[in-house]
């Protein structure tokens, strides 16, 4: 794809690069002639064959791992894009709650660890590696269901709350960075309902034409990253570039 708001020789970081959306982001970035280097971070250290891609084993629930990754990346930065493509809805004995009775300490804690704390701590160590002399974006996958004003169905307590907390982290970070670095942009991204392991148990309720492939969603999200400006920092956008109210 062509990044109209960027120049050439772009350096990118993708956190969660072994997941469905993360891997699709890597695939699109590799194909862009404007991208010179992609640092793919994941717990598995999954190997991406392109010579543009440097693979790094990384666990954002471990602060020592975060520090080590930041130190390694500092040697090859600064970066034009840092994309956090992580999230947890269900798994490891955790499922979206249908009602308050289903709420558990374990589910809340794990959801916050992956959906809020991990991206927040990643921002702590990696946002300082964004370039400061031209457009640079830190974007994290959030979700429309994390919008308080858009919540009309209830349920999914842990996932909704952890994504709402992530949105607040991003908003607060945008205010802080905006005071010092006018070119840095902090945004949340809603990828739509994507055909990955995260959404499989819930795909039966998705309207026709609204279940996206990871490749389609990733491409649309990269277009959003390309389209946002400093005035958009701190906001949440869906895959089509429409702002979602908190």
Foldseek 3Di string as FASTA:
>chain_A
DDQPQDAAAAEEEEAQCVFQLNVLLVVVLLPDRRYQAYEYEECVQDDDPDPRYDTDHADLLDLVRLQVVLVVVLVVDQHQEYEYEWAAADDPPEHWFPDPVPDDPVNLVVRLSTLPSSLLSNCVRRVVSHDQPAAHEYEYEAALLLAPVPDDRDTRVNNNVSSVNNLVSQLVVLVVCCVPRLRYAGEYEHLFAEPGPRCVVPVVPDDPPRHHYSNLSSVLVVVLSSPDGSVCHSFYAYSPNDTRHD
